[in-house]
Amino acid sequence: MDQERGREEFALHAWVDESMRAARDGREGLYLLAAVVADPGACEVVRETLQTLLLRGARRLHWRDETGERRRKIAAALGSLDVAHVVVVGAPIDHRRQERARAICMERLLYELDQLGVREVYLESRHGSLNKRDIRLVDALRLRGSISSAIVVDFALPNDEPMLWAPDAVAGAVSSARFGQDVETAEELGAIDIIDVRLA
């Protein structure tokens, strides 16, 4: 009985960040939502590992600010941790309709996370009105039955939550790899579940 209760109480958490890449060299522009999934009881190891990679005086890791050498180091560190990576890649992105792209990718990502047994999802917090837009989307997905009522979506800030540094890195690495850049860096992350969706 205790074992059954333990299985029922176990739930994964996920942290989510976005990335965009404009069309270039004949390639479609992309909108990505990356999630890093982990057992919440094991996240201190992830946080501590990421914090050891901070440069002196830095408050967070931010993929776009890192050198190629440091990106490889961060990716290798993430690849050594007990986390899973799920990325939804939407294309082609129309930068005038970024929120539409986010909604389409968010619907698919939350569905996938729900299927994995994720029960708490933390999105990187944006502007208050945009956060409210995300919550309205989540409510609509529940009403449609696209996701279960068990999955809870909330917000966090990267300066407060190092777990958000991980999806930022994953999104950046996958985005570059899709354009044929730094493919070896993305490979350092290990297995990534990548789901493509069409935005047009």
N, C-alpha and C. Protein backbone atom coordinates (compact mmCIF):
# COMPACT_ATOMS: atom_id res chain seq x y z
N MET A 1 0.82 -1.20 0.00
CA MET A 1 0.00 0.00 0.00
C MET A 1 0.87 1.26 0.00
N ASP A 2 1.92 1.24 0.85
CA ASP A 2 2.82 2.40 0.92
C ASP A 2 3.53 2.62 -0.41
N GLN A 3 3.90 1.50 -1.08
CA GLN A 3 4.55 1.64 -2.39
C GLN A 3 3.60 2.26 -3.40
N GLU A 4 2.34 1.87 -3.39
CA GLU A 4 1.36 2.44 -4.32
C GLU A 4 1.17 3.93 -4.05
N ARG A 5 1.10 4.30 -2.75
CA ARG A 5 0.93 5.70 -2.42
C ARG A 5 2.14 6.49 -2.86
N GLY A 6 3.33 5.90 -2.70
CA GLY A 6 4.55 6.58 -3.13
C GLY A 6 4.56 6.85 -4.62
N ARG A 7 4.09 5.87 -5.41
CA ARG A 7 4.04 6.06 -6.86
C ARG A 7 3.05 7.15 -7.22
N GLU A 8 1.91 7.19 -6.51
CA GLU A 8 0.90 8.21 -6.80
C GLU A 8 1.40 9.60 -6.43
N GLU A 9 2.21 9.70 -5.36
CA GLU A 9 2.67 11.01 -4.90
C GLU A 9 3.85 11.52 -5.73
N PHE A 10 4.56 10.62 -6.40
CA PHE A 10 5.71 11.05 -7.19
C PHE A 10 5.23 11.83 -8.40
N ALA A 11 5.80 12.98 -8.62
CA ALA A 11 5.43 13.80 -9.77
C ALA A 11 6.65 14.57 -10.24
N LEU A 12 6.78 14.68 -11.53
CA LEU A 12 7.88 15.44 -12.11
C LEU A 12 7.52 16.91 -12.21
N HIS A 13 8.56 17.75 -12.24
CA HIS A 13 8.40 19.18 -12.48
C HIS A 13 9.14 19.53 -13.76
N ALA A 14 8.76 20.65 -14.38
CA ALA A 14 9.43 21.12 -15.60
C ALA A 14 9.61 22.62 -15.55
N TRP A 15 10.70 23.08 -16.14
CA TRP A 15 11.01 24.50 -16.24
C TRP A 15 11.15 24.82 -17.73
N VAL A 16 10.54 25.94 -18.15
CA VAL A 16 10.38 26.21 -19.59
C VAL A 16 10.90 27.59 -19.95
N ASP A 17 11.58 27.67 -21.10
CA ASP A 17 12.03 28.95 -21.65
C ASP A 17 11.85 28.93 -23.16
N GLU A 18 11.84 30.11 -23.75
CA GLU A 18 11.62 30.25 -25.19
C GLU A 18 12.87 30.77 -25.88
N SER A 19 12.89 30.59 -27.19
CA SER A 19 13.95 31.15 -28.02
C SER A 19 13.37 31.37 -29.41
N MET A 20 13.88 32.36 -30.10
CA MET A 20 13.46 32.63 -31.48
C MET A 20 14.67 32.84 -32.35
N ARG A 21 14.53 32.48 -33.61
CA ARG A 21 15.60 32.69 -34.57
C ARG A 21 14.98 33.14 -35.88
N ALA A 22 15.46 34.26 -36.38
CA ALA A 22 14.92 34.81 -37.62
C ALA A 22 15.35 33.97 -38.81
N ALA A 23 14.53 34.01 -39.87
CA ALA A 23 14.86 33.32 -41.12
C ALA A 23 16.18 33.85 -41.66
N ARG A 24 17.02 32.92 -42.19
CA ARG A 24 18.32 33.34 -42.72
C ARG A 24 18.87 32.25 -43.62
N ASP A 25 19.56 32.65 -44.65
CA ASP A 25 20.24 31.71 -45.56
C ASP A 25 19.30 30.63 -46.09
N GLY A 26 18.09 31.05 -46.42
CA GLY A 26 17.12 30.11 -46.97
C GLY A 26 16.44 29.21 -45.95
N ARG A 27 16.75 29.39 -44.67
CA ARG A 27 16.12 28.58 -43.62
C ARG A 27 14.97 29.36 -42.99
N GLU A 28 13.93 28.63 -42.62
CA GLU A 28 12.78 29.26 -41.99
C GLU A 28 13.13 29.76 -40.59
N GLY A 29 12.49 30.86 -40.20
CA GLY A 29 12.64 31.31 -38.82
C GLY A 29 11.96 30.34 -37.88
N LEU A 30 12.47 30.27 -36.65
CA LEU A 30 11.99 29.30 -35.68
C LEU A 30 11.53 29.96 -34.39
N TYR A 31 10.53 29.34 -33.77
CA TYR A 31 10.15 29.67 -32.40
C TYR A 31 10.27 28.38 -31.60
N LEU A 32 11.00 28.40 -30.50
CA LEU A 32 11.21 27.19 -29.71
C LEU A 32 10.74 27.39 -28.28
N LEU A 33 10.14 26.34 -27.72
CA LEU A 33 9.89 26.25 -26.29
C LEU A 33 10.61 25.01 -25.79
N ALA A 34 11.53 25.22 -24.87
CA ALA A 34 12.31 24.11 -24.32
C ALA A 34 11.91 23.88 -22.87
N ALA A 35 11.78 22.60 -22.51
CA ALA A 35 11.48 22.23 -21.13
C ALA A 35 12.56 21.29 -20.62
N VAL A 36 12.98 21.52 -19.40
CA VAL A 36 13.86 20.59 -18.70
C VAL A 36 13.03 19.96 -17.59
N VAL A 37 12.95 18.64 -17.62
CA VAL A 37 12.09 17.88 -16.72
C VAL A 37 12.95 17.17 -15.68
N ALA A 38 12.53 17.26 -14.41
CA ALA A 38 13.32 16.64 -13.35
C ALA A 38 12.45 16.25 -12.18
N ASP A 39 12.97 15.31 -11.40
CA ASP A 39 12.37 14.97 -10.11
C ASP A 39 12.65 16.16 -9.18
N PRO A 40 11.62 16.80 -8.63
CA PRO A 40 11.88 17.98 -7.78
C PRO A 40 12.76 17.67 -6.59
N GLY A 41 12.77 16.41 -6.14
CA GLY A 41 13.61 16.05 -5.01
C GLY A 41 15.09 15.99 -5.33
N ALA A 42 15.41 16.01 -6.63
CA ALA A 42 16.82 15.92 -7.04
C ALA A 42 17.33 17.22 -7.65
N CYS A 43 16.56 18.27 -7.55
CA CYS A 43 16.92 19.52 -8.25
C CYS A 43 18.06 20.29 -7.61
N GLU A 44 18.32 20.05 -6.33
CA GLU A 44 19.42 20.79 -5.70
C GLU A 44 20.75 20.47 -6.37
N VAL A 45 20.92 19.23 -6.80
CA VAL A 45 22.14 18.86 -7.51
C VAL A 45 22.25 19.64 -8.81
N VAL A 46 21.14 19.79 -9.52
CA VAL A 46 21.13 20.54 -10.78
C VAL A 46 21.46 22.00 -10.51
N ARG A 47 20.81 22.57 -9.52
CA ARG A 47 21.05 23.99 -9.19
C ARG A 47 22.52 24.23 -8.81
N GLU A 48 23.03 23.36 -7.96
CA GLU A 48 24.42 23.53 -7.50
C GLU A 48 25.40 23.38 -8.66
N THR A 49 25.14 22.42 -9.55
CA THR A 49 26.02 22.22 -10.70
C THR A 49 26.03 23.46 -11.59
N LEU A 50 24.85 24.00 -11.86
CA LEU A 50 24.77 25.19 -12.71
C LEU A 50 25.41 26.41 -12.04
N GLN A 51 25.23 26.54 -10.74
CA GLN A 51 25.81 27.69 -10.02
C GLN A 51 27.33 27.67 -10.03
N THR A 52 27.91 26.45 -10.09
CA THR A 52 29.38 26.38 -10.14
C THR A 52 29.92 26.92 -11.47
N LEU A 53 29.06 27.05 -12.47
CA LEU A 53 29.47 27.54 -13.78
C LEU A 53 29.36 29.05 -13.93
N LEU A 54 28.82 29.71 -12.91
CA LEU A 54 28.68 31.16 -12.98
C LEU A 54 30.04 31.85 -13.03
N LEU A 55 30.13 32.87 -13.86
CA LEU A 55 31.30 33.72 -13.84
C LEU A 55 31.23 34.64 -12.62
N ARG A 56 32.39 35.07 -12.14
CA ARG A 56 32.42 35.94 -10.97
C ARG A 56 31.57 37.19 -11.21
N GLY A 57 30.68 37.47 -10.27
CA GLY A 57 29.81 38.65 -10.37
C GLY A 57 28.52 38.43 -11.13
N ALA A 58 28.40 37.31 -11.83
CA ALA A 58 27.18 37.04 -12.60
C ALA A 58 26.08 36.51 -11.69
N ARG A 59 24.84 36.87 -12.01
CA ARG A 59 23.71 36.41 -11.21
C ARG A 59 23.03 35.19 -11.82
N ARG A 60 23.30 34.94 -13.10
CA ARG A 60 22.65 33.82 -13.78
C ARG A 60 23.47 33.43 -15.00
N LEU A 61 23.21 32.23 -15.52
CA LEU A 61 23.74 31.83 -16.82
C LEU A 61 22.73 32.28 -17.88
N HIS A 62 23.24 32.85 -18.96
CA HIS A 62 22.36 33.26 -20.06
C HIS A 62 23.07 32.87 -21.36
N TRP A 63 22.50 31.93 -22.07
CA TRP A 63 23.13 31.32 -23.24
C TRP A 63 23.66 32.34 -24.24
N ARG A 64 22.86 33.35 -24.52
CA ARG A 64 23.27 34.30 -25.57
C ARG A 64 24.50 35.12 -25.17
N ASP A 65 24.81 35.18 -23.89
CA ASP A 65 25.96 35.95 -23.42
C ASP A 65 27.23 35.11 -23.28
N GLU A 66 27.11 33.80 -23.50
CA GLU A 66 28.25 32.91 -23.27
C GLU A 66 29.10 32.71 -24.52
N THR A 67 30.38 32.47 -24.32
CA THR A 67 31.28 32.15 -25.43
C THR A 67 31.03 30.72 -25.89
N GLY A 68 31.56 30.38 -27.05
CA GLY A 68 31.42 29.02 -27.56
C GLY A 68 32.00 27.99 -26.61
N GLU A 69 33.16 28.29 -26.04
CA GLU A 69 33.80 27.36 -25.11
C GLU A 69 32.95 27.14 -23.86
N ARG A 70 32.39 28.24 -23.34
CA ARG A 70 31.56 28.12 -22.14
C ARG A 70 30.23 27.42 -22.46
N ARG A 71 29.71 27.64 -23.65
CA ARG A 71 28.48 26.93 -24.04
C ARG A 71 28.70 25.43 -24.04
N ARG A 72 29.83 25.00 -24.57
CA ARG A 72 30.12 23.57 -24.58
C ARG A 72 30.24 23.03 -23.15
N LYS A 73 30.85 23.81 -22.28
CA LYS A 73 31.00 23.40 -20.89
C LYS A 73 29.64 23.29 -20.19
N ILE A 74 28.77 24.26 -20.43
CA ILE A 74 27.42 24.25 -19.84
C ILE A 74 26.62 23.06 -20.37
N ALA A 75 26.69 22.85 -21.68
CA ALA A 75 25.95 21.74 -22.30
C ALA A 75 26.44 20.40 -21.75
N ALA A 76 27.74 20.24 -21.60
CA ALA A 76 28.29 19.00 -21.07
C ALA A 76 27.83 18.77 -19.63
N ALA A 77 27.78 19.84 -18.84
CA ALA A 77 27.32 19.73 -17.46
C ALA A 77 25.85 19.29 -17.42
N LEU A 78 25.03 19.89 -18.26
CA LEU A 78 23.63 19.51 -18.31
C LEU A 78 23.47 18.06 -18.78
N GLY A 79 24.29 17.66 -19.72
CA GLY A 79 24.23 16.30 -20.23
C GLY A 79 24.58 15.26 -19.20
N SER A 80 25.29 15.66 -18.15
CA SER A 80 25.70 14.72 -17.10
C SER A 80 24.67 14.59 -15.99
N LEU A 81 23.63 15.43 -16.03
CA LEU A 81 22.65 15.46 -14.95
C LEU A 81 21.44 14.57 -15.26
N ASP A 82 20.71 14.22 -14.22
CA ASP A 82 19.53 13.35 -14.35
C ASP A 82 18.30 14.21 -14.65
N VAL A 83 18.27 14.74 -15.87
CA VAL A 83 17.14 15.55 -16.34
C VAL A 83 16.79 15.10 -17.76
N ALA A 84 15.57 15.42 -18.18
CA ALA A 84 15.14 15.14 -19.55
C ALA A 84 14.86 16.46 -20.25
N HIS A 85 15.07 16.46 -21.56
CA HIS A 85 14.87 17.67 -22.36
C HIS A 85 13.76 17.43 -23.39
N VAL A 86 12.79 18.33 -23.42
CA VAL A 86 11.72 18.29 -24.41
C VAL A 86 11.67 19.65 -25.08
N VAL A 87 11.73 19.67 -26.41
CA VAL A 87 11.73 20.93 -27.15
C VAL A 87 10.68 20.87 -28.25
N VAL A 88 9.82 21.89 -28.29
CA VAL A 88 8.88 22.04 -29.39
C VAL A 88 9.42 23.14 -30.29
N VAL A 89 9.58 22.82 -31.57
CA VAL A 89 10.11 23.77 -32.55
C VAL A 89 9.01 24.12 -33.54
N GLY A 90 8.63 25.38 -33.56
CA GLY A 90 7.60 25.85 -34.47
C GLY A 90 8.21 26.63 -35.62
N ALA A 91 7.70 26.40 -36.84
CA ALA A 91 8.20 27.12 -38.02
C ALA A 91 7.10 27.14 -39.08
N PRO A 92 7.08 28.15 -39.94
CA PRO A 92 7.95 29.34 -39.92
C PRO A 92 7.38 30.39 -38.96
N ILE A 93 8.26 31.13 -38.30
CA ILE A 93 7.83 32.17 -37.38
C ILE A 93 7.60 33.48 -38.11
N ASP A 94 6.47 34.09 -37.86
CA ASP A 94 6.18 35.44 -38.31
C ASP A 94 6.34 36.32 -37.07
N HIS A 95 7.35 37.17 -37.05
CA HIS A 95 7.67 37.92 -35.84
C HIS A 95 6.57 38.88 -35.43
N ARG A 96 5.64 39.15 -36.34
CA ARG A 96 4.49 39.97 -35.97
C ARG A 96 3.45 39.16 -35.22
N ARG A 97 3.62 37.81 -35.23
CA ARG A 97 2.64 36.94 -34.59
C ARG A 97 3.33 35.99 -33.61
N GLN A 98 4.23 36.56 -32.84
CA GLN A 98 5.00 35.76 -31.89
C GLN A 98 4.10 35.08 -30.85
N GLU A 99 3.08 35.79 -30.37
CA GLU A 99 2.23 35.20 -29.35
C GLU A 99 1.41 34.04 -29.90
N ARG A 100 1.06 34.11 -31.17
CA ARG A 100 0.36 32.98 -31.79
C ARG A 100 1.29 31.77 -31.84
N ALA A 101 2.55 32.00 -32.22
CA ALA A 101 3.52 30.91 -32.26
C ALA A 101 3.71 30.32 -30.87
N ARG A 102 3.77 31.16 -29.87
CA ARG A 102 3.94 30.69 -28.50
C ARG A 102 2.74 29.81 -28.09
N ALA A 103 1.54 30.26 -28.43
CA ALA A 103 0.34 29.51 -28.04
C ALA A 103 0.32 28.12 -28.68
N ILE A 104 0.67 28.05 -29.96
CA ILE A 104 0.68 26.76 -30.66
C ILE A 104 1.73 25.82 -30.05
N CYS A 105 2.92 26.36 -29.82
CA CYS A 105 3.99 25.54 -29.24
C CYS A 105 3.69 25.17 -27.79
N MET A 106 3.09 26.11 -27.05
CA MET A 106 2.76 25.84 -25.65
C MET A 106 1.73 24.72 -25.53
N GLU A 107 0.73 24.74 -26.40
CA GLU A 107 -0.28 23.68 -26.35
C GLU A 107 0.37 22.31 -26.53
N ARG A 108 1.26 22.19 -27.50
CA ARG A 108 1.90 20.90 -27.74
C ARG A 108 2.84 20.53 -26.59
N LEU A 109 3.60 21.51 -26.10
CA LEU A 109 4.54 21.21 -25.02
C LEU A 109 3.82 20.76 -23.77
N LEU A 110 2.76 21.47 -23.37
CA LEU A 110 2.03 21.10 -22.16
C LEU A 110 1.38 19.73 -22.31
N TYR A 111 0.90 19.42 -23.51
CA TYR A 111 0.35 18.08 -23.74
C TYR A 111 1.43 17.02 -23.52
N GLU A 112 2.61 17.24 -24.09
CA GLU A 112 3.70 16.27 -23.95
C GLU A 112 4.13 16.13 -22.49
N LEU A 113 4.23 17.24 -21.78
CA LEU A 113 4.64 17.20 -20.38
C LEU A 113 3.59 16.49 -19.53
N ASP A 114 2.33 16.75 -19.82
CA ASP A 114 1.24 16.09 -19.11
C ASP A 114 1.33 14.57 -19.29
N GLN A 115 1.63 14.15 -20.53
CA GLN A 115 1.75 12.72 -20.82
C GLN A 115 2.92 12.09 -20.09
N LEU A 116 3.96 12.88 -19.82
CA LEU A 116 5.13 12.37 -19.11
C LEU A 116 4.91 12.27 -17.60
N GLY A 117 3.80 12.85 -17.12
CA GLY A 117 3.53 12.85 -15.68
C GLY A 117 4.05 14.07 -14.97
N VAL A 118 4.35 15.13 -15.71
CA VAL A 118 4.77 16.39 -15.10
C VAL A 118 3.54 17.02 -14.45
N ARG A 119 3.67 17.45 -13.21
CA ARG A 119 2.54 18.03 -12.50
C ARG A 119 2.72 19.50 -12.17
N GLU A 120 3.94 20.01 -12.23
CA GLU A 120 4.17 21.44 -12.03
C GLU A 120 5.10 21.94 -13.12
N VAL A 121 4.67 23.00 -13.80
CA VAL A 121 5.44 23.61 -14.89
C VAL A 121 5.71 25.06 -14.51
N TYR A 122 6.97 25.46 -14.62
CA TYR A 122 7.36 26.83 -14.31
C TYR A 122 7.86 27.50 -15.59
N LEU A 123 7.12 28.50 -16.05
CA LEU A 123 7.52 29.28 -17.22
C LEU A 123 8.37 30.45 -16.75
N GLU A 124 9.34 30.83 -17.59
CA GLU A 124 10.07 32.06 -17.25
C GLU A 124 9.09 33.21 -17.30
N SER A 125 9.03 33.96 -16.21
CA SER A 125 8.07 35.05 -16.11
C SER A 125 8.39 36.14 -17.12
N ARG A 126 7.32 36.64 -17.75
CA ARG A 126 7.47 37.75 -18.68
C ARG A 126 6.74 38.95 -18.08
N HIS A 127 6.26 39.86 -18.89
CA HIS A 127 5.46 40.99 -18.41
C HIS A 127 4.15 40.47 -17.84
N GLY A 128 3.61 41.16 -16.85
CA GLY A 128 2.38 40.71 -16.19
C GLY A 128 1.24 40.37 -17.13
N SER A 129 1.01 41.22 -18.14
CA SER A 129 -0.10 40.97 -19.06
C SER A 129 0.16 39.74 -19.93
N LEU A 130 1.44 39.48 -20.25
CA LEU A 130 1.77 38.30 -21.05
C LEU A 130 1.64 37.03 -20.21
N ASN A 131 1.98 37.13 -18.92
CA ASN A 131 1.77 35.98 -18.03
C ASN A 131 0.28 35.65 -17.95
N LYS A 132 -0.55 36.67 -17.87
CA LYS A 132 -2.00 36.44 -17.81
C LYS A 132 -2.49 35.79 -19.11
N ARG A 133 -1.90 36.18 -20.22
CA ARG A 133 -2.26 35.56 -21.50
C ARG A 133 -1.93 34.06 -21.49
N ASP A 134 -0.76 33.72 -20.92
CA ASP A 134 -0.38 32.31 -20.82
C ASP A 134 -1.38 31.53 -19.95
N ILE A 135 -1.79 32.12 -18.84
CA ILE A 135 -2.73 31.44 -17.94
C ILE A 135 -4.09 31.26 -18.61
N ARG A 136 -4.52 32.25 -19.38
CA ARG A 136 -5.78 32.09 -20.12
C ARG A 136 -5.68 30.94 -21.10
N LEU A 137 -4.52 30.80 -21.74
CA LEU A 137 -4.31 29.68 -22.66
C LEU A 137 -4.39 28.36 -21.90
N VAL A 138 -3.72 28.26 -20.76
CA VAL A 138 -3.74 27.04 -19.97
C VAL A 138 -5.17 26.68 -19.57
N ASP A 139 -5.94 27.67 -19.13
CA ASP A 139 -7.34 27.44 -18.75
C ASP A 139 -8.14 26.92 -19.93
N ALA A 140 -7.91 27.51 -21.10
CA ALA A 140 -8.64 27.08 -22.31
C ALA A 140 -8.26 25.65 -22.69
N LEU A 141 -6.99 25.30 -22.55
CA LEU A 141 -6.55 23.93 -22.87
C LEU A 141 -7.18 22.92 -21.93
N ARG A 142 -7.33 23.29 -20.66
CA ARG A 142 -7.99 22.39 -19.71
C ARG A 142 -9.46 22.20 -20.09
N LEU A 143 -10.13 23.29 -20.44
CA LEU A 143 -11.54 23.21 -20.80
C LEU A 143 -11.75 22.34 -22.03
N ARG A 144 -10.81 22.40 -22.98
CA ARG A 144 -10.91 21.60 -24.20
C ARG A 144 -10.50 20.15 -23.98
N GLY A 145 -9.89 19.88 -22.84
CA GLY A 145 -9.41 18.53 -22.57
C GLY A 145 -8.06 18.23 -23.20
N SER A 146 -7.36 19.27 -23.66
CA SER A 146 -6.03 19.07 -24.26
C SER A 146 -4.99 18.69 -23.22
N ILE A 147 -5.18 19.20 -21.99
CA ILE A 147 -4.33 18.82 -20.86
C ILE A 147 -5.23 18.50 -19.69
N SER A 148 -4.70 17.74 -18.74
CA SER A 148 -5.50 17.35 -17.58
C SER A 148 -5.52 18.46 -16.54
N SER A 149 -6.43 18.32 -15.60
CA SER A 149 -6.51 19.30 -14.51
C SER A 149 -5.37 19.12 -13.52
N ALA A 150 -4.62 18.03 -13.65
CA ALA A 150 -3.54 17.74 -12.69
C ALA A 150 -2.31 18.62 -12.90
N ILE A 151 -2.13 19.14 -14.10
CA ILE A 151 -0.93 19.91 -14.39
C ILE A 151 -1.14 21.37 -14.00
N VAL A 152 -0.20 21.90 -13.24
CA VAL A 152 -0.27 23.27 -12.73
C VAL A 152 0.83 24.10 -13.39
N VAL A 153 0.48 25.30 -13.85
CA VAL A 153 1.45 26.17 -14.51
C VAL A 153 1.64 27.42 -13.67
N ASP A 154 2.90 27.77 -13.43
CA ASP A 154 3.23 28.95 -12.64
C ASP A 154 4.43 29.64 -13.30
N PHE A 155 4.95 30.66 -12.67
CA PHE A 155 6.03 31.45 -13.25
C PHE A 155 7.18 31.58 -12.25
N ALA A 156 8.38 31.74 -12.78
CA ALA A 156 9.57 31.96 -11.96
C ALA A 156 10.52 32.88 -12.71
N LEU A 157 11.45 33.46 -11.98
CA LEU A 157 12.44 34.36 -12.57
C LEU A 157 13.81 33.71 -12.54
N PRO A 158 14.58 33.84 -13.63
CA PRO A 158 15.89 33.19 -13.68
C PRO A 158 16.88 33.69 -12.64
N ASN A 159 16.73 34.92 -12.17
CA ASN A 159 17.63 35.41 -11.13
C ASN A 159 17.36 34.73 -9.79
N ASP A 160 16.14 34.16 -9.65
CA ASP A 160 15.76 33.49 -8.41
C ASP A 160 15.82 31.97 -8.52
N GLU A 161 15.70 31.44 -9.73
CA GLU A 161 15.56 30.00 -9.94
C GLU A 161 16.55 29.49 -10.98
N PRO A 162 17.67 28.92 -10.52
CA PRO A 162 18.66 28.41 -11.47
C PRO A 162 18.14 27.32 -12.41
N MET A 163 17.06 26.63 -12.03
CA MET A 163 16.52 25.60 -12.93
C MET A 163 16.12 26.20 -14.27
N LEU A 164 15.80 27.48 -14.31
CA LEU A 164 15.44 28.13 -15.58
C LEU A 164 16.64 28.36 -16.48
N TRP A 165 17.84 28.27 -15.95
CA TRP A 165 19.03 28.43 -16.79
C TRP A 165 19.17 27.25 -17.74
N ALA A 166 18.65 26.09 -17.31
CA ALA A 166 18.79 24.88 -18.12
C ALA A 166 17.98 24.95 -19.41
N PRO A 167 16.67 25.26 -19.39
CA PRO A 167 15.94 25.34 -20.66
C PRO A 167 16.41 26.48 -21.55
N ASP A 168 16.95 27.54 -20.96
CA ASP A 168 17.54 28.63 -21.76
C ASP A 168 18.69 28.07 -22.59
N ALA A 169 19.52 27.25 -21.96
CA ALA A 169 20.66 26.64 -22.67
C ALA A 169 20.19 25.65 -23.71
N VAL A 170 19.22 24.82 -23.37
CA VAL A 170 18.73 23.82 -24.31
C VAL A 170 18.10 24.48 -25.52
N ALA A 171 17.28 25.50 -25.29
CA ALA A 171 16.64 26.21 -26.41
C ALA A 171 17.69 26.85 -27.31
N GLY A 172 18.69 27.48 -26.70
CA GLY A 172 19.73 28.12 -27.50
C GLY A 172 20.54 27.13 -28.30
N ALA A 173 20.87 26.00 -27.68
CA ALA A 173 21.68 24.99 -28.37
C ALA A 173 20.92 24.36 -29.53
N VAL A 174 19.65 24.02 -29.30
CA VAL A 174 18.85 23.40 -30.37
C VAL A 174 18.61 24.39 -31.50
N SER A 175 18.36 25.65 -31.15
CA SER A 175 18.15 26.68 -32.17
C SER A 175 19.37 26.80 -33.07
N SER A 176 20.56 26.87 -32.49
CA SER A 176 21.79 26.97 -33.28
C SER A 176 21.99 25.73 -34.14
N ALA A 177 21.76 24.56 -33.55
CA ALA A 177 21.97 23.31 -34.29
C ALA A 177 21.05 23.23 -35.49
N ARG A 178 19.84 23.75 -35.36
CA ARG A 178 18.89 23.72 -36.48
C ARG A 178 19.39 24.57 -37.66
N PHE A 179 20.28 25.51 -37.37
CA PHE A 179 20.86 26.35 -38.41
C PHE A 179 22.27 25.86 -38.77
N GLY A 180 22.58 24.64 -38.35
CA GLY A 180 23.87 24.04 -38.69
C GLY A 180 25.05 24.60 -37.94
N GLN A 181 24.78 25.26 -36.81
CA GLN A 181 25.85 25.88 -36.03
C GLN A 181 26.02 25.15 -34.69
N ASP A 182 27.25 24.96 -34.27
CA ASP A 182 27.55 24.40 -32.94
C ASP A 182 26.78 23.10 -32.69
N VAL A 183 26.70 22.26 -33.69
CA VAL A 183 25.96 20.99 -33.56
C VAL A 183 26.56 20.14 -32.45
N GLU A 184 27.89 20.14 -32.34
CA GLU A 184 28.56 19.34 -31.31
C GLU A 184 28.14 19.80 -29.91
N THR A 185 27.90 21.09 -29.75
CA THR A 185 27.47 21.61 -28.44
C THR A 185 26.11 21.04 -28.07
N ALA A 186 25.19 21.03 -29.01
CA ALA A 186 23.86 20.45 -28.75
C ALA A 186 23.97 18.97 -28.41
N GLU A 187 24.89 18.29 -29.08
CA GLU A 187 25.05 16.85 -28.82
C GLU A 187 25.54 16.58 -27.40
N GLU A 188 26.24 17.53 -26.80
CA GLU A 188 26.71 17.37 -25.42
C GLU A 188 25.56 17.26 -24.43
N LEU A 189 24.39 17.77 -24.82
CA LEU A 189 23.23 17.72 -23.93
C LEU A 189 22.67 16.32 -23.77
N GLY A 190 23.02 15.43 -24.68
CA GLY A 190 22.47 14.08 -24.65
C GLY A 190 21.15 14.02 -25.39
N ALA A 191 20.30 13.07 -25.01
CA ALA A 191 19.03 12.86 -25.72
C ALA A 191 18.09 14.05 -25.51
N ILE A 192 17.52 14.51 -26.62
CA ILE A 192 16.53 15.59 -26.58
C ILE A 192 15.32 15.13 -27.38
N ASP A 193 14.15 15.21 -26.77
CA ASP A 193 12.91 14.88 -27.47
C ASP A 193 12.47 16.15 -28.20
N ILE A 194 12.64 16.18 -29.52
CA ILE A 194 12.30 17.36 -30.32
C ILE A 194 11.03 17.10 -31.11
N ILE A 195 10.06 17.99 -30.97
CA ILE A 195 8.78 17.87 -31.66
C ILE A 195 8.60 19.08 -32.56
N ASP A 196 8.42 18.83 -33.85
CA ASP A 196 8.22 19.92 -34.81
C ASP A 196 6.74 20.19 -35.03
N VAL A 197 6.37 21.46 -35.04
CA VAL A 197 5.00 21.86 -35.36
C VAL A 197 5.04 22.95 -36.41
N ARG A 198 4.06 22.95 -37.27
CA ARG A 198 3.96 23.97 -38.31
C ARG A 198 3.14 25.14 -37.79
N LEU A 199 3.65 26.33 -38.03
CA LEU A 199 2.97 27.55 -37.59
C LEU A 199 2.17 28.19 -38.71
N ALA A 200 2.31 27.68 -39.93
CA ALA A 200 1.57 28.26 -41.07
C ALA A 200 1.22 27.13 -42.04
